[in-house]
Protein backbone atom coordinates (compact mmCIF):
# COMPACT_ATOMS: atom_id res chain seq x y z
CA MET A 1 35.66 4.18 35.74
CA THR A 2 32.94 1.59 35.35
CA GLY A 3 33.80 -1.61 33.36
CA PRO A 4 37.17 -3.55 32.73
CA ASP A 5 37.29 -2.63 28.57
CA ALA A 6 36.69 1.53 29.21
CA THR A 7 38.92 3.86 28.34
CA ILE A 8 38.95 7.55 27.59
CA ALA A 9 40.16 9.43 24.08
CA THR A 10 41.11 12.74 23.72
CA ASP A 11 37.87 13.25 21.32
CA TYR A 12 35.53 11.03 23.96
CA ASP A 13 34.04 11.52 26.87
CA TYR A 14 33.79 7.56 26.78
CA GLN A 15 34.87 4.98 25.00
CA THR A 16 35.29 1.23 25.26
CA TYR A 17 35.41 -2.09 23.25
CA ASP A 18 32.15 -3.82 23.23
CA ARG A 19 33.10 -8.14 22.35
CA SER A 20 29.55 -8.85 21.57
CA ILE A 21 29.32 -7.03 18.29
CA GLU A 22 33.86 -6.55 18.04
CA LYS A 23 32.95 -2.69 17.56
CA THR A 24 34.62 0.45 19.96
CA VAL A 25 31.46 2.59 21.20
CA SER A 26 32.47 6.44 21.68
CA LEU A 27 30.04 8.96 23.08
CA ARG A 28 31.34 12.40 22.53
CA GLN A 29 29.40 16.06 23.67
CA ALA A 30 26.82 17.39 21.06
CA SER A 31 27.93 20.48 19.32
CA PRO A 32 26.25 22.65 16.68
CA GLU A 33 29.72 23.03 15.01
CA ARG A 34 30.05 19.30 14.07
CA ASP A 35 26.64 17.78 14.70
CA LEU A 36 23.89 20.59 13.53
CA GLY A 37 22.77 18.94 10.38
CA ARG A 38 23.07 15.32 11.25
CA LEU A 39 21.35 15.62 14.27
CA HIS A 40 18.44 17.55 12.35
CA ALA A 41 18.36 14.96 9.62
CA TRP A 42 18.03 12.20 12.89
CA LEU A 43 15.22 13.85 15.07
CA GLY A 44 12.94 14.44 11.00
CA SER A 45 13.33 10.94 10.52
CA GLU A 46 10.01 8.67 10.50
CA HIS A 47 11.40 5.88 12.77
CA VAL A 48 11.92 8.96 15.62
CA LYS A 49 9.43 11.58 15.43
CA PRO A 50 6.67 9.28 17.03
CA TYR A 51 9.20 9.51 20.09
CA TRP A 52 10.17 12.91 19.98
CA GLN A 53 9.03 16.68 19.45
CA LEU A 54 12.00 17.77 17.34
CA ASP A 55 10.81 17.93 14.01
CA LEU A 56 11.20 21.53 13.44
CA PRO A 57 12.70 23.70 10.68
CA LEU A 58 16.12 23.99 10.65
CA PRO A 59 16.41 27.19 12.40
CA ALA A 60 13.90 26.40 15.04
CA PHE A 61 16.16 23.17 15.84
CA ARG A 62 19.26 24.81 15.70
CA ASP A 63 17.99 27.41 18.72
CA ARG A 64 16.74 23.96 20.22
CA LEU A 65 19.71 22.73 20.42
CA VAL A 66 22.14 25.57 21.62
CA GLU A 67 19.10 25.61 24.38
CA LYS A 68 19.92 21.87 25.27
CA LEU A 69 23.31 22.85 25.19
CA ALA A 70 23.30 25.89 27.63
CA ASP A 71 20.97 23.58 30.19
CA ASP A 72 22.96 22.87 33.34
CA HIS A 73 20.81 19.90 34.25
CA LEU A 74 21.74 18.10 30.90
CA THR A 75 24.24 17.04 28.24
CA PRO A 76 23.73 15.87 24.56
CA TYR A 77 26.15 13.43 23.59
CA VAL A 78 26.86 11.71 20.02
CA GLY A 79 27.29 7.90 20.25
CA CYS A 80 29.79 6.24 17.95
CA LEU A 81 30.46 2.87 16.28
CA ASP A 82 33.79 2.15 15.53
CA HIS A 83 33.98 6.51 15.21
CA VAL A 84 31.03 6.92 13.00
CA PRO A 85 28.63 8.79 14.47
CA MET A 86 25.15 6.75 14.48
CA SER A 87 22.82 7.95 17.93
CA TYR A 88 22.08 10.68 20.04
CA TRP A 89 21.66 10.75 23.82
CA GLU A 90 20.87 12.86 26.75
CA CYS A 91 22.52 12.33 30.11
CA TYR A 92 20.30 14.50 33.10
CA TRP A 93 20.21 14.79 36.52
CA ALA A 94 16.60 13.64 37.27
CA ALA A 95 15.92 15.76 40.28
CA ASP A 96 16.26 19.06 38.30
CA ASP A 97 14.14 17.37 35.32
CA ASP A 98 10.61 17.23 35.29
CA VAL A 99 10.25 13.45 35.91
CA ALA A 100 11.19 14.37 39.63
CA ASN A 101 7.65 15.55 40.03
CA HIS A 102 6.42 11.75 39.50
CA TYR A 103 8.66 10.09 41.82
CA ASP A 104 11.30 10.27 44.58
CA ALA A 105 14.22 11.34 43.03
CA LYS A 106 17.54 11.59 44.86
CA PRO A 107 20.11 14.37 43.97
CA THR A 108 22.33 12.31 42.61
CA ASP A 109 20.01 10.07 39.92
CA GLN A 110 20.54 10.08 36.69
CA GLY A 111 18.61 9.81 33.59
CA VAL A 112 18.74 8.69 30.25
CA HIS A 113 16.91 9.47 26.64
CA LEU A 114 18.59 7.65 22.97
CA LEU A 115 17.80 7.49 19.73
CA ILE A 116 19.77 5.80 17.00
CA GLY A 117 20.29 7.73 13.97
CA PRO A 118 20.63 6.29 10.39
CA GLU A 119 18.18 3.65 9.15
CA GLU A 120 20.86 1.08 8.47
CA TYR A 121 21.93 0.59 12.39
CA LEU A 122 18.58 -0.67 13.05
CA GLY A 123 17.96 -4.04 13.99
CA HIS A 124 21.61 -5.08 14.39
CA GLY A 125 21.86 -5.34 17.93
CA TYR A 126 23.51 -2.16 18.43
CA ALA A 127 21.38 -0.69 21.07
CA LEU A 128 22.48 -3.14 24.07
CA PRO A 129 26.42 -2.12 23.78
CA LEU A 130 25.47 1.50 23.07
CA MET A 131 22.99 1.72 26.24
CA ARG A 132 25.59 -0.65 28.17
CA ALA A 133 28.42 2.00 27.71
CA VAL A 134 25.83 5.66 28.44
CA VAL A 135 25.19 3.66 31.47
CA ALA A 136 28.79 2.95 32.67
CA MET A 137 29.87 6.30 32.11
CA GLN A 138 26.85 7.58 33.79
CA PHE A 139 28.05 5.61 36.77
CA ARG A 140 31.61 6.85 36.81
CA HIS A 141 30.28 9.66 39.03
CA PRO A 142 30.72 7.91 42.12
CA GLU A 143 27.69 9.29 44.16
CA THR A 144 25.42 7.95 41.48
CA ASP A 145 23.52 5.06 42.51
CA ARG A 146 20.66 4.88 39.88
CA VAL A 147 19.74 5.54 36.47
CA ILE A 148 16.41 6.35 35.54
CA ALA A 149 14.60 6.53 32.17
CA GLU A 150 11.14 7.60 31.23
CA PRO A 151 10.33 5.95 27.74
CA ASP A 152 7.29 6.68 25.85
CA ALA A 153 5.02 3.45 27.31
CA ARG A 154 4.44 2.61 23.67
CA ASN A 155 7.92 1.76 22.89
CA GLU A 156 8.27 -1.79 23.84
CA ARG A 157 11.30 -2.09 21.77
CA VAL A 158 13.69 0.46 23.56
CA ILE A 159 11.92 -0.93 26.91
CA HIS A 160 13.03 -4.29 26.43
CA VAL A 161 16.86 -3.07 25.84
CA PHE A 162 16.04 -1.13 29.08
CA GLU A 163 15.12 -4.33 30.86
CA THR A 164 18.35 -6.04 28.93
CA CYS A 165 20.50 -3.40 30.24
CA GLY A 166 19.14 -4.25 34.23
CA PHE A 167 16.47 -1.40 34.47
CA GLU A 168 13.73 -2.66 35.96
CA PRO A 169 9.97 -0.81 35.33
CA ARG A 170 8.04 0.85 38.50
CA LYS A 171 5.10 2.41 36.81
CA GLU A 172 3.54 4.27 34.19
CA PHE A 173 2.33 7.69 34.66
CA ARG A 174 1.32 10.66 32.38
CA PHE A 175 4.07 12.79 32.03
CA ASP A 176 2.29 16.26 30.83
CA GLU A 177 5.32 18.00 30.88
CA ALA A 178 6.94 15.81 28.23
CA GLU A 179 3.53 15.01 26.39
CA LYS A 180 3.66 11.09 26.51
CA ASP A 181 2.36 8.66 28.71
CA ALA A 182 5.96 7.09 29.82
CA LEU A 183 7.20 4.13 31.93
CA LEU A 184 9.18 4.77 34.92
CA LEU A 185 12.34 2.69 34.30
CA VAL A 186 15.12 2.15 37.54
CA CYS A 187 18.81 0.71 36.98
CA GLU A 188 20.24 0.17 40.22
CA ARG A 189 23.94 0.41 40.60
CA ASP A 190 24.83 -3.04 42.05
CA THR A 191 22.54 -5.06 39.74
CA PHE A 192 24.34 -2.71 37.06
CA GLU A 193 27.48 -3.72 38.10
CA SER A 194 26.57 -7.37 38.72
CA ASP A 195 24.52 -8.43 36.31
CA VAL A 196 24.78 -6.80 33.37
CA LEU A 197 28.59 -5.88 33.10
CA ALA A 198 29.66 -9.02 34.62
CA GLY A 199 27.34 -11.34 32.61
CA PRO A 200 27.86 -12.43 29.26
CA ARG A 201 28.29 -9.69 25.82
CA ALA A 202 26.73 -11.95 23.25
CA ALA A 203 23.15 -11.83 23.75
CA PRO A 204 21.80 -9.83 20.99
CA ALA A 205 19.20 -6.89 21.93
CA ARG A 206 16.67 -6.33 19.33
CA GLY A 207 16.50 -2.67 17.09
CA VAL A 208 15.61 0.69 18.57
CA SER A 209 14.35 3.77 17.30
CA ALA A 210 14.32 6.12 20.08
CA ASP A 211 13.09 6.49 23.65
CA ASP A 212 10.36 9.33 24.09
C-alpha cells in the first residue's frame, strides 16, 4: 500500500485521511444499482459536458455504464469525501486503451480520467487530495511504475491539478478516438512517492470539473 495514512474499509477499495483538507477520501467501484442516477446527473452537468461525451438519455446512459463495468481494461470508481459521493473516476490499463496508439505504453502503465460532480464541491481545493488518493491506489499494483493521463488540452484547471500531483506534460496530440486534442501527462512512481506523498499536504489546488 502506498502512503502512510492509507487504510482499507470493507465498503471501499481505498481510503485515506487527508490532513490538508481534514477529510476522509474514499474510493469504491461504481455500480448501476447504487450510482446510476447520480452519475447520469453528473455527466449531464454544464461543467462536465464540454469534456465528456456521456450526456445521454437515461436508458442509453445505463447501457454505456454497464459496458464500462464489463470492460476488463477499465474500472469506474465513485470518489467520496467523508463518505459522501462527489466524484467519478475511471482507472484503466493504458496498453489496452486507444491512448496506446499515441505513445509507447508499457503493459503495466495505468491511466486515469476524472470529474467532480456536484458544483458545490468545485473550487475548494478537493481535486488534488482526491487525485493523490487515486494515484496512490493505482501504485499499489507492484508492477506499475507510471500513471498517465490524457486530458483535453483546453482544460487548464485539471492539467494544473495533474501537474501538482507529480504528472509531467510530454506532448499534445490529436486523440481522434476520443474526439479531442489531448495533452499526454506522465507520473513516475519515484516522483510521486518522493515529491508528492512525502511533500507538504497543505497547499490547495484550484477547482476542477472534468478531465476529458
